[in-house]
Amino acid sequence: MKKNFLAGYFLSMGLFVLILGSCKGKPSQTTNTDTAVVAPADNTTTKMPDTAVVISADDSLKRMIPDAIKDFPGVTASVDQGVITLTGTINRDRLPKLMMAVNALHPKKINNNLTINK
């Protein structure tokens, strides 16, 4: 009885491996339109994604930053080459709201030099 059980077990495992092995090597049916496309010869073209990064100019940042920080007394901001530098003090629970307001202006970078209170 023990021999029959082991023979059936090994037979079923062999069939299982055979079935799994037959699934390998099939080509994928998915396509990705945001990948690089290589043309014949050495000409290489790249398809860019539909979304573009928007960076605001200094003059528009300087114009909009006072509205973004008006609800945060003790915080000052300066703009230089698309980079907004925040200085001053802020409570920890108000920091996320400030950062969202400043990020909405689309600067190149934000330097956070704020002192955070508990």
N, C-alpha and C. Protein backbone atom coordinates (compact mmCIF):
# COMPACT_ATOMS: atom_id res chain seq x y z
N MET A 1 0.82 -1.18 0.00
CA MET A 1 0.00 0.00 0.00
C MET A 1 0.87 1.25 0.00
N LYS A 2 1.97 1.20 0.77
CA LYS A 2 2.86 2.34 0.84
C LYS A 2 3.51 2.60 -0.52
N LYS A 3 3.86 1.53 -1.26
CA LYS A 3 4.47 1.67 -2.58
C LYS A 3 3.49 2.30 -3.55
N ASN A 4 2.21 1.90 -3.49
CA ASN A 4 1.20 2.48 -4.40
C ASN A 4 1.00 3.98 -4.12
N PHE A 5 1.02 4.33 -2.85
CA PHE A 5 0.84 5.73 -2.48
C PHE A 5 1.99 6.57 -3.02
N LEU A 6 3.25 6.09 -2.82
CA LEU A 6 4.42 6.83 -3.29
C LEU A 6 4.45 6.90 -4.81
N ALA A 7 4.08 5.82 -5.49
CA ALA A 7 4.07 5.82 -6.96
C ALA A 7 3.05 6.83 -7.47
N GLY A 8 1.86 6.88 -6.85
CA GLY A 8 0.84 7.87 -7.26
C GLY A 8 1.29 9.29 -6.98
N TYR A 9 1.96 9.49 -5.85
CA TYR A 9 2.45 10.81 -5.50
C TYR A 9 3.47 11.30 -6.52
N PHE A 10 4.46 10.47 -6.84
CA PHE A 10 5.48 10.87 -7.80
C PHE A 10 4.91 11.05 -9.20
N LEU A 11 3.94 10.24 -9.58
CA LEU A 11 3.31 10.38 -10.89
C LEU A 11 2.57 11.71 -10.98
N SER A 12 1.83 12.06 -9.92
CA SER A 12 1.09 13.32 -9.94
C SER A 12 2.04 14.52 -9.93
N MET A 13 3.16 14.42 -9.20
CA MET A 13 4.13 15.51 -9.19
C MET A 13 4.79 15.66 -10.56
N GLY A 14 5.06 14.55 -11.21
CA GLY A 14 5.64 14.60 -12.55
C GLY A 14 4.70 15.28 -13.53
N LEU A 15 3.40 14.96 -13.47
CA LEU A 15 2.42 15.61 -14.34
C LEU A 15 2.33 17.10 -14.04
N PHE A 16 2.39 17.44 -12.76
CA PHE A 16 2.33 18.84 -12.36
C PHE A 16 3.49 19.63 -12.95
N VAL A 17 4.71 19.08 -12.87
CA VAL A 17 5.89 19.74 -13.42
C VAL A 17 5.80 19.83 -14.93
N LEU A 18 5.28 18.81 -15.57
CA LEU A 18 5.12 18.81 -17.03
C LEU A 18 4.16 19.90 -17.47
N ILE A 19 3.06 20.06 -16.75
CA ILE A 19 2.07 21.08 -17.10
C ILE A 19 2.66 22.48 -16.90
N LEU A 20 3.36 22.71 -15.78
CA LEU A 20 3.97 24.00 -15.53
C LEU A 20 5.06 24.31 -16.55
N GLY A 21 5.82 23.34 -16.92
CA GLY A 21 6.89 23.53 -17.89
C GLY A 21 6.38 23.91 -19.25
N SER A 22 5.18 23.47 -19.61
CA SER A 22 4.65 23.79 -20.93
C SER A 22 4.16 25.22 -21.03
N CYS A 23 4.03 25.93 -19.90
CA CYS A 23 3.55 27.32 -19.90
C CYS A 23 4.69 28.31 -20.12
N LYS A 24 5.93 27.88 -20.01
CA LYS A 24 7.06 28.79 -20.14
C LYS A 24 7.32 29.13 -21.61
N GLY A 25 7.88 30.30 -21.84
CA GLY A 25 8.33 30.66 -23.17
C GLY A 25 7.27 31.28 -24.05
N LYS A 26 6.08 31.48 -23.58
CA LYS A 26 5.06 32.12 -24.41
C LYS A 26 5.29 33.62 -24.39
N PRO A 27 5.14 34.30 -25.53
CA PRO A 27 5.35 35.74 -25.55
C PRO A 27 4.27 36.47 -24.78
N SER A 28 4.66 37.60 -24.23
CA SER A 28 3.73 38.42 -23.47
C SER A 28 2.76 39.12 -24.41
N GLN A 29 1.53 39.29 -23.97
CA GLN A 29 0.51 39.93 -24.78
C GLN A 29 0.37 41.42 -24.46
N THR A 30 1.15 41.92 -23.49
CA THR A 30 1.02 43.32 -23.10
C THR A 30 1.95 44.19 -23.91
N THR A 31 1.57 45.44 -24.11
CA THR A 31 2.41 46.41 -24.80
C THR A 31 2.48 47.66 -23.96
N ASN A 32 3.56 48.40 -24.12
CA ASN A 32 3.75 49.65 -23.39
C ASN A 32 4.07 50.73 -24.40
N THR A 33 3.27 51.78 -24.46
CA THR A 33 3.46 52.83 -25.45
C THR A 33 4.43 53.90 -25.00
N ASP A 34 4.88 53.88 -23.74
CA ASP A 34 5.78 54.90 -23.22
C ASP A 34 7.23 54.43 -23.16
N THR A 35 7.64 53.57 -24.06
CA THR A 35 9.01 53.08 -24.04
C THR A 35 9.76 53.60 -25.25
N ALA A 36 11.06 53.45 -25.22
CA ALA A 36 11.88 53.90 -26.32
C ALA A 36 11.66 53.00 -27.53
N VAL A 37 11.67 53.60 -28.71
CA VAL A 37 11.49 52.86 -29.95
C VAL A 37 12.78 53.03 -30.74
N VAL A 38 13.39 51.92 -31.13
CA VAL A 38 14.63 51.98 -31.88
C VAL A 38 14.30 51.73 -33.35
N ALA A 39 14.66 52.69 -34.19
CA ALA A 39 14.42 52.59 -35.62
C ALA A 39 15.57 51.82 -36.27
N PRO A 40 15.41 51.41 -37.50
CA PRO A 40 16.49 50.72 -38.20
C PRO A 40 17.76 51.58 -38.25
N ALA A 41 18.89 50.95 -38.39
CA ALA A 41 20.21 51.59 -38.41
C ALA A 41 20.49 52.21 -37.05
N ASP A 42 21.07 53.39 -37.01
CA ASP A 42 21.45 54.01 -35.74
C ASP A 42 20.49 55.12 -35.31
N ASN A 43 19.39 55.29 -36.02
CA ASN A 43 18.44 56.34 -35.66
C ASN A 43 17.62 55.87 -34.47
N THR A 44 17.67 56.61 -33.37
CA THR A 44 16.93 56.26 -32.18
C THR A 44 15.92 57.36 -31.89
N THR A 45 14.69 56.96 -31.67
CA THR A 45 13.66 57.92 -31.29
C THR A 45 13.07 57.49 -29.96
N THR A 46 12.62 58.44 -29.20
CA THR A 46 12.03 58.16 -27.91
C THR A 46 10.66 58.80 -27.84
N LYS A 47 9.68 58.03 -27.44
CA LYS A 47 8.34 58.58 -27.25
C LYS A 47 8.25 59.07 -25.82
N MET A 48 7.92 60.34 -25.66
CA MET A 48 7.83 60.94 -24.36
C MET A 48 6.45 60.70 -23.77
N PRO A 49 6.35 60.57 -22.44
CA PRO A 49 5.03 60.42 -21.83
C PRO A 49 4.19 61.68 -22.07
N ASP A 50 2.88 61.55 -21.93
CA ASP A 50 1.98 62.66 -22.17
C ASP A 50 2.05 63.74 -21.10
N THR A 51 2.60 63.42 -19.94
CA THR A 51 2.68 64.41 -18.86
C THR A 51 4.02 65.11 -18.93
N ALA A 52 4.01 66.40 -18.71
CA ALA A 52 5.24 67.19 -18.73
C ALA A 52 5.41 67.87 -17.38
N VAL A 53 6.64 68.08 -17.00
CA VAL A 53 6.94 68.76 -15.75
C VAL A 53 6.86 70.26 -16.01
N VAL A 54 6.11 70.97 -15.18
CA VAL A 54 5.95 72.41 -15.33
C VAL A 54 6.71 73.09 -14.21
N ILE A 55 7.60 73.99 -14.58
CA ILE A 55 8.35 74.77 -13.61
C ILE A 55 8.03 76.24 -13.88
N SER A 56 7.58 76.92 -12.84
CA SER A 56 7.20 78.32 -12.99
C SER A 56 8.43 79.22 -13.05
N ALA A 57 8.28 80.35 -13.72
CA ALA A 57 9.35 81.34 -13.81
C ALA A 57 9.44 82.12 -12.51
N ASP A 58 10.62 82.75 -12.29
CA ASP A 58 10.85 83.49 -11.06
C ASP A 58 9.82 84.60 -10.84
N ASP A 59 9.50 85.35 -11.88
CA ASP A 59 8.58 86.47 -11.69
C ASP A 59 7.19 86.01 -11.26
N SER A 60 6.72 84.89 -11.81
CA SER A 60 5.41 84.39 -11.39
C SER A 60 5.48 83.79 -9.98
N LEU A 61 6.60 83.16 -9.64
CA LEU A 61 6.76 82.63 -8.28
C LEU A 61 6.79 83.77 -7.26
N LYS A 62 7.53 84.83 -7.59
CA LYS A 62 7.61 85.98 -6.68
C LYS A 62 6.25 86.64 -6.50
N ARG A 63 5.44 86.61 -7.54
CA ARG A 63 4.11 87.20 -7.48
C ARG A 63 3.15 86.33 -6.66
N MET A 64 3.29 85.00 -6.75
CA MET A 64 2.33 84.09 -6.11
C MET A 64 2.72 83.64 -4.70
N ILE A 65 3.99 83.72 -4.34
CA ILE A 65 4.43 83.21 -3.05
C ILE A 65 3.81 83.95 -1.85
N PRO A 66 3.58 85.26 -1.91
CA PRO A 66 2.95 85.90 -0.74
C PRO A 66 1.56 85.33 -0.43
N ASP A 67 0.78 85.00 -1.46
CA ASP A 67 -0.54 84.39 -1.21
C ASP A 67 -0.41 82.99 -0.61
N ALA A 68 0.62 82.27 -1.00
CA ALA A 68 0.80 80.91 -0.51
C ALA A 68 1.19 80.88 0.97
N ILE A 69 1.93 81.88 1.42
CA ILE A 69 2.42 81.85 2.81
C ILE A 69 1.67 82.82 3.73
N LYS A 70 0.64 83.49 3.21
CA LYS A 70 -0.05 84.52 4.01
C LYS A 70 -0.68 83.96 5.28
N ASP A 71 -1.10 82.69 5.30
CA ASP A 71 -1.74 82.08 6.47
C ASP A 71 -0.72 81.50 7.45
N PHE A 72 0.56 81.74 7.22
CA PHE A 72 1.61 81.17 8.06
C PHE A 72 2.51 82.27 8.60
N PRO A 73 2.07 82.96 9.66
CA PRO A 73 2.90 84.03 10.23
C PRO A 73 4.21 83.45 10.75
N GLY A 74 5.27 84.19 10.57
CA GLY A 74 6.59 83.72 11.01
C GLY A 74 7.35 83.02 9.90
N VAL A 75 6.71 82.80 8.74
CA VAL A 75 7.37 82.14 7.61
C VAL A 75 7.63 83.18 6.53
N THR A 76 8.86 83.22 6.02
CA THR A 76 9.20 84.08 4.89
C THR A 76 9.75 83.20 3.78
N ALA A 77 9.66 83.71 2.55
CA ALA A 77 10.11 82.94 1.41
C ALA A 77 10.86 83.85 0.44
N SER A 78 11.88 83.29 -0.18
CA SER A 78 12.61 84.00 -1.23
C SER A 78 12.70 83.10 -2.45
N VAL A 79 12.82 83.72 -3.63
CA VAL A 79 12.86 82.97 -4.88
C VAL A 79 14.14 83.33 -5.63
N ASP A 80 14.84 82.30 -6.12
CA ASP A 80 16.04 82.52 -6.92
C ASP A 80 16.19 81.36 -7.90
N GLN A 81 16.11 81.65 -9.19
CA GLN A 81 16.26 80.68 -10.28
C GLN A 81 15.31 79.49 -10.13
N GLY A 82 14.08 79.77 -9.78
CA GLY A 82 13.07 78.72 -9.65
C GLY A 82 13.08 77.98 -8.33
N VAL A 83 13.98 78.32 -7.44
CA VAL A 83 14.10 77.67 -6.14
C VAL A 83 13.49 78.57 -5.07
N ILE A 84 12.55 78.02 -4.31
CA ILE A 84 11.94 78.76 -3.20
C ILE A 84 12.63 78.32 -1.91
N THR A 85 13.10 79.31 -1.14
CA THR A 85 13.73 79.04 0.15
C THR A 85 12.82 79.56 1.25
N LEU A 86 12.42 78.65 2.13
CA LEU A 86 11.54 78.99 3.25
C LEU A 86 12.38 79.17 4.50
N THR A 87 12.14 80.27 5.24
CA THR A 87 12.82 80.52 6.49
C THR A 87 11.80 80.97 7.53
N GLY A 88 12.19 80.90 8.79
CA GLY A 88 11.31 81.30 9.87
C GLY A 88 10.95 80.12 10.74
N THR A 89 9.82 80.24 11.45
CA THR A 89 9.36 79.17 12.33
C THR A 89 7.93 78.79 12.00
N ILE A 90 7.60 77.53 12.27
CA ILE A 90 6.26 77.02 12.01
C ILE A 90 5.98 75.87 12.97
N ASN A 91 4.71 75.70 13.31
CA ASN A 91 4.32 74.54 14.14
C ASN A 91 4.30 73.30 13.26
N ARG A 92 4.67 72.17 13.85
CA ARG A 92 4.78 70.91 13.11
C ARG A 92 3.48 70.54 12.40
N ASP A 93 2.34 70.75 13.04
CA ASP A 93 1.07 70.35 12.44
C ASP A 93 0.67 71.23 11.25
N ARG A 94 1.28 72.40 11.10
CA ARG A 94 0.96 73.30 9.98
C ARG A 94 1.90 73.12 8.79
N LEU A 95 3.01 72.43 9.00
CA LEU A 95 4.02 72.27 7.95
C LEU A 95 3.48 71.58 6.69
N PRO A 96 2.74 70.47 6.79
CA PRO A 96 2.24 69.83 5.56
C PRO A 96 1.37 70.76 4.71
N LYS A 97 0.54 71.56 5.34
CA LYS A 97 -0.32 72.47 4.60
C LYS A 97 0.51 73.53 3.87
N LEU A 98 1.54 74.04 4.54
CA LEU A 98 2.44 75.02 3.91
C LEU A 98 3.15 74.41 2.71
N MET A 99 3.67 73.20 2.88
CA MET A 99 4.42 72.56 1.79
C MET A 99 3.51 72.28 0.59
N MET A 100 2.27 71.91 0.84
CA MET A 100 1.34 71.69 -0.28
C MET A 100 1.06 73.00 -1.01
N ALA A 101 0.91 74.09 -0.25
CA ALA A 101 0.64 75.39 -0.87
C ALA A 101 1.83 75.85 -1.72
N VAL A 102 3.04 75.63 -1.22
CA VAL A 102 4.23 76.05 -1.97
C VAL A 102 4.48 75.13 -3.16
N ASN A 103 4.27 73.84 -3.01
CA ASN A 103 4.43 72.90 -4.13
C ASN A 103 3.44 73.20 -5.25
N ALA A 104 2.28 73.71 -4.92
CA ALA A 104 1.27 74.03 -5.94
C ALA A 104 1.74 75.13 -6.88
N LEU A 105 2.76 75.87 -6.49
CA LEU A 105 3.30 76.93 -7.34
C LEU A 105 4.24 76.40 -8.42
N HIS A 106 4.62 75.14 -8.34
CA HIS A 106 5.50 74.45 -9.29
C HIS A 106 6.91 75.04 -9.35
N PRO A 107 7.58 75.14 -8.19
CA PRO A 107 8.97 75.60 -8.23
C PRO A 107 9.88 74.46 -8.69
N LYS A 108 11.10 74.82 -9.06
CA LYS A 108 12.09 73.80 -9.43
C LYS A 108 12.46 72.98 -8.19
N LYS A 109 12.57 73.68 -7.05
CA LYS A 109 12.98 73.02 -5.81
C LYS A 109 12.53 73.88 -4.64
N ILE A 110 12.35 73.27 -3.47
CA ILE A 110 12.03 74.00 -2.24
C ILE A 110 13.10 73.69 -1.21
N ASN A 111 13.76 74.75 -0.74
CA ASN A 111 14.72 74.60 0.35
C ASN A 111 13.99 74.93 1.64
N ASN A 112 13.84 73.95 2.50
CA ASN A 112 13.12 74.13 3.75
C ASN A 112 14.13 74.42 4.86
N ASN A 113 14.27 75.71 5.19
CA ASN A 113 15.17 76.11 6.27
C ASN A 113 14.36 76.57 7.48
N LEU A 114 13.19 76.02 7.64
CA LEU A 114 12.28 76.40 8.73
C LEU A 114 12.70 75.76 10.04
N THR A 115 12.46 76.49 11.13
CA THR A 115 12.59 75.94 12.47
C THR A 115 11.21 75.43 12.86
N ILE A 116 11.11 74.16 13.24
CA ILE A 116 9.82 73.55 13.51
C ILE A 116 9.58 73.47 15.01
N ASN A 117 8.45 74.06 15.45
CA ASN A 117 8.03 74.00 16.85
C ASN A 117 7.14 72.79 17.05
N LYS A 118 7.05 72.34 18.27
CA LYS A 118 6.18 71.19 18.57
C LYS A 118 4.77 71.57 18.53
